[in-house]
Amino acid sequence: MPGYSATFNGTGKPEAVFTHEQWADIRAAKGGTPTVQVNVESKTYLDGREVGGFVDQKIEAHDAATGRALNVGRYI
């Protein structure tokens, strides 16, 4: 997607940026479009905490509140 994004090139090397036409020329010179598999492992942080852990904590808090409510006969 064109425009700004939250990605970061941490390689310390410059990143090649090609136009659509330049990519077409590269593909044509190589002999077609190859099948490429890209695996991405990403962690997202919010206020210095990994979001996955934050979400887990919120779910645990909600589950605990639901358990307490069920014990007194009120479901939330």
PDB file of N, CA and C in Angstrom:
ATOM      1  N   MET A   1       0.850  -1.165   0.000  1.00  0.00           N
ATOM      2  CA  MET A   1       0.000   0.000   0.000  1.00  0.00           C
ATOM      3  C   MET A   1       0.903   1.238   0.000  1.00  0.00           C
ATOM      4  N   PRO A   2       0.671   2.163  -0.869  1.00  0.00           N
ATOM      5  CA  PRO A   2       1.508   3.365  -0.917  1.00  0.00           C
ATOM      6  C   PRO A   2       1.301   4.260   0.306  1.00  0.00           C
ATOM      7  N   GLY A   3       2.296   5.081   0.567  1.00  0.00           N
ATOM      8  CA  GLY A   3       2.191   6.034   1.667  1.00  0.00           C
ATOM      9  C   GLY A   3       3.048   5.628   2.847  1.00  0.00           C
ATOM     10  N   TYR A   4       2.784   6.225   3.996  1.00  0.00           N
ATOM     11  CA  TYR A   4       3.550   5.957   5.200  1.00  0.00           C
ATOM     12  C   TYR A   4       3.055   4.679   5.860  1.00  0.00           C
ATOM     13  N   SER A   5       3.956   4.004   6.548  1.00  0.00           N
ATOM     14  CA  SER A   5       3.582   2.819   7.306  1.00  0.00           C
ATOM     15  C   SER A   5       4.439   2.755   8.562  1.00  0.00           C
ATOM     16  N   ALA A   6       4.121   1.801   9.424  1.00  0.00           N
ATOM     17  CA  ALA A   6       4.842   1.659  10.689  1.00  0.00           C
ATOM     18  C   ALA A   6       5.976   0.639  10.575  1.00  0.00           C
ATOM     19  N   THR A   7       6.486   0.410   9.381  1.00  0.00           N
ATOM     20  CA  THR A   7       7.575  -0.543   9.209  1.00  0.00           C
ATOM     21  C   THR A   7       8.919   0.124   9.438  1.00  0.00           C
ATOM     22  N   PHE A   8       9.910  -0.682   9.755  1.00  0.00           N
ATOM     23  CA  PHE A   8      11.243  -0.170  10.047  1.00  0.00           C
ATOM     24  C   PHE A   8      12.276  -1.076   9.413  1.00  0.00           C
ATOM     25  N   ASN A   9      13.199  -0.509   8.662  1.00  0.00           N
ATOM     26  CA  ASN A   9      14.295  -1.261   8.053  1.00  0.00           C
ATOM     27  C   ASN A   9      15.458  -1.246   9.040  1.00  0.00           C
ATOM     28  N   GLY A  10      15.603  -2.327   9.794  1.00  0.00           N
ATOM     29  CA  GLY A  10      16.649  -2.388  10.808  1.00  0.00           C
ATOM     30  C   GLY A  10      17.929  -3.035  10.311  1.00  0.00           C
ATOM     31  N   THR A  11      18.103  -3.179   8.997  1.00  0.00           N
ATOM     32  CA  THR A  11      19.300  -3.849   8.471  1.00  0.00           C
ATOM     33  C   THR A  11      20.510  -2.933   8.448  1.00  0.00           C
ATOM     34  N   GLY A  12      20.286  -1.631   8.492  1.00  0.00           N
ATOM     35  CA  GLY A  12      21.386  -0.685   8.384  1.00  0.00           C
ATOM     36  C   GLY A  12      21.831  -0.489   6.943  1.00  0.00           C
ATOM     37  N   LYS A  13      21.091  -1.090   6.021  1.00  0.00           N
ATOM     38  CA  LYS A  13      21.408  -0.962   4.594  1.00  0.00           C
ATOM     39  C   LYS A  13      20.270  -0.222   3.901  1.00  0.00           C
ATOM     40  N   PRO A  14      20.567   0.481   2.810  1.00  0.00           N
ATOM     41  CA  PRO A  14      19.491   1.169   2.098  1.00  0.00           C
ATOM     42  C   PRO A  14      18.508   0.162   1.492  1.00  0.00           C
ATOM     43  N   GLU A  15      17.277   0.601   1.336  1.00  0.00           N
ATOM     44  CA  GLU A  15      16.221  -0.234   0.793  1.00  0.00           C
ATOM     45  C   GLU A  15      15.934   0.184  -0.639  1.00  0.00           C
ATOM     46  N   ALA A  16      15.869  -0.795  -1.534  1.00  0.00           N
ATOM     47  CA  ALA A  16      15.565  -0.491  -2.935  1.00  0.00           C
ATOM     48  C   ALA A  16      14.077  -0.174  -3.076  1.00  0.00           C
ATOM     49  N   VAL A  17      13.774   0.893  -3.791  1.00  0.00           N
ATOM     50  CA  VAL A  17      12.390   1.273  -4.047  1.00  0.00           C
ATOM     51  C   VAL A  17      12.233   1.389  -5.554  1.00  0.00           C
ATOM     52  N   PHE A  18      11.326   0.578  -6.101  1.00  0.00           N
ATOM     53  CA  PHE A  18      11.139   0.554  -7.552  1.00  0.00           C
ATOM     54  C   PHE A  18       9.723   0.970  -7.907  1.00  0.00           C
ATOM     55  N   THR A  19       9.579   1.571  -9.077  1.00  0.00           N
ATOM     56  CA  THR A  19       8.253   1.885  -9.597  1.00  0.00           C
ATOM     57  C   THR A  19       7.646   0.609 -10.164  1.00  0.00           C
ATOM     58  N   HIS A  20       6.359   0.655 -10.463  1.00  0.00           N
ATOM     59  CA  HIS A  20       5.684  -0.494 -11.067  1.00  0.00           C
ATOM     60  C   HIS A  20       6.368  -0.895 -12.378  1.00  0.00           C
ATOM     61  N   GLU A  21       6.743   0.087 -13.159  1.00  0.00           N
ATOM     62  CA  GLU A  21       7.398  -0.189 -14.442  1.00  0.00           C
ATOM     63  C   GLU A  21       8.774  -0.836 -14.238  1.00  0.00           C
ATOM     64  N   GLN A  22       9.521  -0.361 -13.242  1.00  0.00           N
ATOM     65  CA  GLN A  22      10.830  -0.944 -12.962  1.00  0.00           C
ATOM     66  C   GLN A  22      10.696  -2.402 -12.525  1.00  0.00           C
ATOM     67  N   TRP A  23       9.697  -2.685 -11.690  1.00  0.00           N
ATOM     68  CA  TRP A  23       9.468  -4.068 -11.285  1.00  0.00           C
ATOM     69  C   TRP A  23       9.109  -4.929 -12.490  1.00  0.00           C
ATOM     70  N   ALA A  24       8.294  -4.400 -13.384  1.00  0.00           N
ATOM     71  CA  ALA A  24       7.916  -5.144 -14.591  1.00  0.00           C
ATOM     72  C   ALA A  24       9.156  -5.463 -15.419  1.00  0.00           C
ATOM     73  N   ASP A  25      10.074  -4.505 -15.535  1.00  0.00           N
ATOM     74  CA  ASP A  25      11.315  -4.738 -16.278  1.00  0.00           C
ATOM     75  C   ASP A  25      12.165  -5.818 -15.599  1.00  0.00           C
ATOM     76  N   ILE A  26      12.243  -5.776 -14.277  1.00  0.00           N
ATOM     77  CA  ILE A  26      13.022  -6.772 -13.527  1.00  0.00           C
ATOM     78  C   ILE A  26      12.421  -8.164 -13.721  1.00  0.00           C
ATOM     79  N   ARG A  27      11.095  -8.255 -13.613  1.00  0.00           N
ATOM     80  CA  ARG A  27      10.435  -9.554 -13.796  1.00  0.00           C
ATOM     81  C   ARG A  27      10.653 -10.080 -15.215  1.00  0.00           C
ATOM     82  N   ALA A  28      10.538  -9.198 -16.199  1.00  0.00           N
ATOM     83  CA  ALA A  28      10.715  -9.609 -17.594  1.00  0.00           C
ATOM     84  C   ALA A  28      12.142 -10.093 -17.826  1.00  0.00           C
ATOM     85  N   ALA A  29      13.117  -9.419 -17.233  1.00  0.00           N
ATOM     86  CA  ALA A  29      14.511  -9.804 -17.415  1.00  0.00           C
ATOM     87  C   ALA A  29      14.787 -11.150 -16.734  1.00  0.00           C
ATOM     88  N   LYS A  30      14.085 -11.415 -15.641  1.00  0.00           N
ATOM     89  CA  LYS A  30      14.294 -12.661 -14.901  1.00  0.00           C
ATOM     90  C   LYS A  30      13.541 -13.820 -15.530  1.00  0.00           C
ATOM     91  N   GLY A  31      12.530 -13.518 -16.324  1.00  0.00           N
ATOM     92  CA  GLY A  31      11.778 -14.581 -16.978  1.00  0.00           C
ATOM     93  C   GLY A  31      10.425 -14.856 -16.358  1.00  0.00           C
ATOM     94  N   GLY A  32       9.817 -13.912 -15.726  1.00  0.00           N
ATOM     95  CA  GLY A  32       8.471 -14.104 -15.182  1.00  0.00           C
ATOM     96  C   GLY A  32       8.390 -13.773 -13.711  1.00  0.00           C
ATOM     97  N   THR A  33       7.209 -13.996 -13.176  1.00  0.00           N
ATOM     98  CA  THR A  33       6.964 -13.694 -11.775  1.00  0.00           C
ATOM     99  C   THR A  33       7.096 -14.970 -10.963  1.00  0.00           C
ATOM    100  N   PRO A  34       8.059 -15.045 -10.052  1.00  0.00           N
ATOM    101  CA  PRO A  34       8.229 -16.256  -9.246  1.00  0.00           C
ATOM    102  C   PRO A  34       7.187 -16.327  -8.132  1.00  0.00           C
ATOM    103  N   THR A  35       6.958 -17.522  -7.642  1.00  0.00           N
ATOM    104  CA  THR A  35       6.113 -17.696  -6.471  1.00  0.00           C
ATOM    105  C   THR A  35       6.987 -17.449  -5.249  1.00  0.00           C
ATOM    106  N   VAL A  36       6.547 -16.544  -4.414  1.00  0.00           N
ATOM    107  CA  VAL A  36       7.335 -16.151  -3.249  1.00  0.00           C
ATOM    108  C   VAL A  36       6.506 -16.383  -1.996  1.00  0.00           C
ATOM    109  N   GLN A  37       7.117 -17.009  -0.993  1.00  0.00           N
ATOM    110  CA  GLN A  37       6.472 -17.168   0.302  1.00  0.00           C
ATOM    111  C   GLN A  37       7.209 -16.289   1.291  1.00  0.00           C
ATOM    112  N   VAL A  38       6.468 -15.454   2.011  1.00  0.00           N
ATOM    113  CA  VAL A  38       7.059 -14.563   3.001  1.00  0.00           C
ATOM    114  C   VAL A  38       6.441 -14.881   4.354  1.00  0.00           C
ATOM    115  N   ASN A  39       7.284 -15.188   5.316  1.00  0.00           N
ATOM    116  CA  ASN A  39       6.831 -15.418   6.683  1.00  0.00           C
ATOM    117  C   ASN A  39       7.250 -14.222   7.526  1.00  0.00           C
ATOM    118  N   VAL A  40       6.288 -13.652   8.239  1.00  0.00           N
ATOM    119  CA  VAL A  40       6.557 -12.470   9.053  1.00  0.00           C
ATOM    120  C   VAL A  40       6.221 -12.795  10.499  1.00  0.00           C
ATOM    121  N   GLU A  41       7.176 -12.522  11.383  1.00  0.00           N
ATOM    122  CA  GLU A  41       6.923 -12.635  12.814  1.00  0.00           C
ATOM    123  C   GLU A  41       6.998 -11.228  13.373  1.00  0.00           C
ATOM    124  N   SER A  42       5.928 -10.796  13.991  1.00  0.00           N
ATOM    125  CA  SER A  42       5.849  -9.407  14.425  1.00  0.00           C
ATOM    126  C   SER A  42       5.324  -9.324  15.849  1.00  0.00           C
ATOM    127  N   LYS A  43       5.842  -8.377  16.591  1.00  0.00           N
ATOM    128  CA  LYS A  43       5.328  -8.083  17.925  1.00  0.00           C
ATOM    129  C   LYS A  43       4.943  -6.614  17.936  1.00  0.00           C
ATOM    130  N   THR A  44       3.794  -6.336  18.493  1.00  0.00           N
ATOM    131  CA  THR A  44       3.298  -4.964  18.553  1.00  0.00           C
ATOM    132  C   THR A  44       3.320  -4.500  20.001  1.00  0.00           C
ATOM    133  N   TYR A  45       3.833  -3.308  20.223  1.00  0.00           N
ATOM    134  CA  TYR A  45       3.968  -2.776  21.577  1.00  0.00           C
ATOM    135  C   TYR A  45       3.099  -1.536  21.755  1.00  0.00           C
ATOM    136  N   LEU A  46       2.507  -1.420  22.937  1.00  0.00           N
ATOM    137  CA  LEU A  46       1.691  -0.274  23.299  1.00  0.00           C
ATOM    138  C   LEU A  46       2.159   0.172  24.678  1.00  0.00           C
ATOM    139  N   ASP A  47       2.620   1.393  24.773  1.00  0.00           N
ATOM    140  CA  ASP A  47       3.143   1.935  26.036  1.00  0.00           C
ATOM    141  C   ASP A  47       4.217   1.029  26.634  1.00  0.00           C
ATOM    142  N   GLY A  48       5.098   0.490  25.776  1.00  0.00           N
ATOM    143  CA  GLY A  48       6.209  -0.323  26.230  1.00  0.00           C
ATOM    144  C   GLY A  48       5.854  -1.753  26.580  1.00  0.00           C
ATOM    145  N   ARG A  49       4.589  -2.138  26.397  1.00  0.00           N
ATOM    146  CA  ARG A  49       4.164  -3.508  26.696  1.00  0.00           C
ATOM    147  C   ARG A  49       3.714  -4.177  25.413  1.00  0.00           C
ATOM    148  N   GLU A  50       4.047  -5.454  25.270  1.00  0.00           N
ATOM    149  CA  GLU A  50       3.609  -6.190  24.097  1.00  0.00           C
ATOM    150  C   GLU A  50       2.093  -6.321  24.133  1.00  0.00           C
ATOM    151  N   VAL A  51       1.436  -5.996  23.015  1.00  0.00           N
ATOM    152  CA  VAL A  51      -0.023  -5.975  22.966  1.00  0.00           C
ATOM    153  C   VAL A  51      -0.610  -7.357  23.270  1.00  0.00           C
ATOM    154  N   GLY A  52       0.040  -8.425  22.807  1.00  0.00           N
ATOM    155  CA  GLY A  52      -0.467  -9.769  23.095  1.00  0.00           C
ATOM    156  C   GLY A  52      -0.627 -10.010  24.580  1.00  0.00           C
ATOM    157  N   GLY A  53       0.380  -9.613  25.362  1.00  0.00           N
ATOM    158  CA  GLY A  53       0.310  -9.766  26.806  1.00  0.00           C
ATOM    159  C   GLY A  53      -0.760  -8.883  27.419  1.00  0.00           C
ATOM    160  N   PHE A  54      -0.932  -7.688  26.872  1.00  0.00           N
ATOM    161  CA  PHE A  54      -1.951  -6.754  27.351  1.00  0.00           C
ATOM    162  C   PHE A  54      -3.345  -7.333  27.125  1.00  0.00           C
ATOM    163  N   VAL A  55      -3.556  -7.896  25.925  1.00  0.00           N
ATOM    164  CA  VAL A  55      -4.852  -8.496  25.598  1.00  0.00           C
ATOM    165  C   VAL A  55      -5.112  -9.692  26.510  1.00  0.00           C
ATOM    166  N   ASP A  56      -4.088 -10.541  26.710  1.00  0.00           N
ATOM    167  CA  ASP A  56      -4.239 -11.688  27.604  1.00  0.00           C
ATOM    168  C   ASP A  56      -4.643 -11.243  29.007  1.00  0.00           C
ATOM    169  N   GLN A  57      -4.011 -10.164  29.490  1.00  0.00           N
ATOM    170  CA  GLN A  57      -4.310  -9.666  30.830  1.00  0.00           C
ATOM    171  C   GLN A  57      -5.761  -9.187  30.915  1.00  0.00           C
ATOM    172  N   LYS A  58      -6.241  -8.502  29.880  1.00  0.00           N
ATOM    173  CA  LYS A  58      -7.624  -8.021  29.867  1.00  0.00           C
ATOM    174  C   LYS A  58      -8.611  -9.191  29.842  1.00  0.00           C
ATOM    175  N   ILE A  59      -8.298 -10.225  29.068  1.00  0.00           N
ATOM    176  CA  ILE A  59      -9.172 -11.404  29.008  1.00  0.00           C
ATOM    177  C   ILE A  59      -9.219 -12.076  30.370  1.00  0.00           C
ATOM    178  N   GLU A  60      -8.054 -12.235  31.008  1.00  0.00           N
ATOM    179  CA  GLU A  60      -8.012 -12.858  32.336  1.00  0.00           C
ATOM    180  C   GLU A  60      -8.817 -12.038  33.349  1.00  0.00           C
ATOM    181  N   ALA A  61      -8.721 -10.721  33.278  1.00  0.00           N
ATOM    182  CA  ALA A  61      -9.471  -9.863  34.202  1.00  0.00           C
ATOM    183  C   ALA A  61     -10.977 -10.016  33.961  1.00  0.00           C
ATOM    184  N   HIS A  62     -11.388 -10.063  32.690  1.00  0.00           N
ATOM    185  CA  HIS A  62     -12.807 -10.229  32.376  1.00  0.00           C
ATOM    186  C   HIS A  62     -13.297 -11.599  32.839  1.00  0.00           C
ATOM    187  N   ASP A  63     -12.495 -12.638  32.583  1.00  0.00           N
ATOM    188  CA  ASP A  63     -12.872 -13.985  33.020  1.00  0.00           C
ATOM    189  C   ASP A  63     -13.024 -14.047  34.535  1.00  0.00           C
ATOM    190  N   ALA A  64     -12.113 -13.395  35.258  1.00  0.00           N
ATOM    191  CA  ALA A  64     -12.186 -13.383  36.717  1.00  0.00           C
ATOM    192  C   ALA A  64     -13.454 -12.664  37.176  1.00  0.00           C
ATOM    193  N   ALA A  65     -13.777 -11.536  36.540  1.00  0.00           N
ATOM    194  CA  ALA A  65     -14.983 -10.782  36.896  1.00  0.00           C
ATOM    195  C   ALA A  65     -16.231 -11.609  36.597  1.00  0.00           C
ATOM    196  N   THR A  66     -16.214 -12.320  35.471  1.00  0.00           N
ATOM    197  CA  THR A  66     -17.354 -13.171  35.123  1.00  0.00           C
ATOM    198  C   THR A  66     -17.506 -14.299  36.140  1.00  0.00           C
ATOM    199  N   GLY A  67     -16.375 -14.899  36.540  1.00  0.00           N
ATOM    200  CA  GLY A  67     -16.414 -15.953  37.552  1.00  0.00           C
ATOM    201  C   GLY A  67     -16.994 -15.458  38.864  1.00  0.00           C
ATOM    202  N   ARG A  68     -16.562 -14.262  39.287  1.00  0.00           N
ATOM    203  CA  ARG A  68     -17.097 -13.690  40.534  1.00  0.00           C
ATOM    204  C   ARG A  68     -18.598 -13.431  40.400  1.00  0.00           C
ATOM    205  N   ALA A  69     -19.007 -12.905  39.237  1.00  0.00           N
ATOM    206  CA  ALA A  69     -20.427 -12.619  39.021  1.00  0.00           C
ATOM    207  C   ALA A  69     -21.265 -13.899  39.034  1.00  0.00           C
ATOM    208  N   LEU A  70     -20.739 -14.956  38.427  1.00  0.00           N
ATOM    209  CA  LEU A  70     -21.471 -16.233  38.419  1.00  0.00           C
ATOM    210  C   LEU A  70     -21.598 -16.800  39.829  1.00  0.00           C
ATOM    211  N   ASN A  71     -20.570 -16.569  40.643  1.00  0.00           N
ATOM    212  CA  ASN A  71     -20.624 -17.065  42.024  1.00  0.00           C
ATOM    213  C   ASN A  71     -21.708 -16.386  42.822  1.00  0.00           C
ATOM    214  N   VAL A  72     -22.058 -15.157  42.481  1.00  0.00           N
ATOM    215  CA  VAL A  72     -23.118 -14.454  43.217  1.00  0.00           C
ATOM    216  C   VAL A  72     -24.419 -14.440  42.435  1.00  0.00           C
ATOM    217  N   GLY A  73     -24.457 -15.190  41.309  1.00  0.00           N
ATOM    218  CA  GLY A  73     -25.692 -15.334  40.548  1.00  0.00           C
ATOM    219  C   GLY A  73     -25.965 -14.236  39.539  1.00  0.00           C
ATOM    220  N   ARG A  74     -24.956 -13.494  39.134  1.00  0.00           N
ATOM    221  CA  ARG A  74     -25.146 -12.427  38.144  1.00  0.00           C
ATOM    222  C   ARG A  74     -24.092 -12.590  37.058  1.00  0.00           C
ATOM    223  N   TYR A  75     -24.523 -12.772  35.809  1.00  0.00           N
ATOM    224  CA  TYR A  75     -23.608 -12.947  34.684  1.00  0.00           C
ATOM    225  C   TYR A  75     -23.354 -11.617  34.002  1.00  0.00           C
ATOM    226  N   ILE A  76     -22.085 -11.305  33.720  1.00  0.00           N
ATOM    227  CA  ILE A  76     -21.762 -10.058  33.012  1.00  0.00           C
ATOM    228  C   ILE A  76     -21.283 -10.373  31.611  1.00  0.00           C
TER     229      ILE A  76
END
